């Protein structure tokens, strides 16, 4: 798996997860529980991972959505 996004912004993370789901690209959020254990103070960023073969397409989906905002 390859890291697509690293952030403390749970809204952006959720938005990107939804974009990828709509595009049929599976993803996995890492460090979500670790972030909660440390008190949700934002010290540990969450990582959004995609399969290597989906990385370029996922990056394009996010870039296109960002430019449309």
Foldseek 3Di string as FASTA:
>chain_A
DDWQDWALPVVVVVVLCVLCVVVVFDKDKPCPVVCVVVPVPGPGIITIDGDPVCRVVSNVSVVVVVVVD
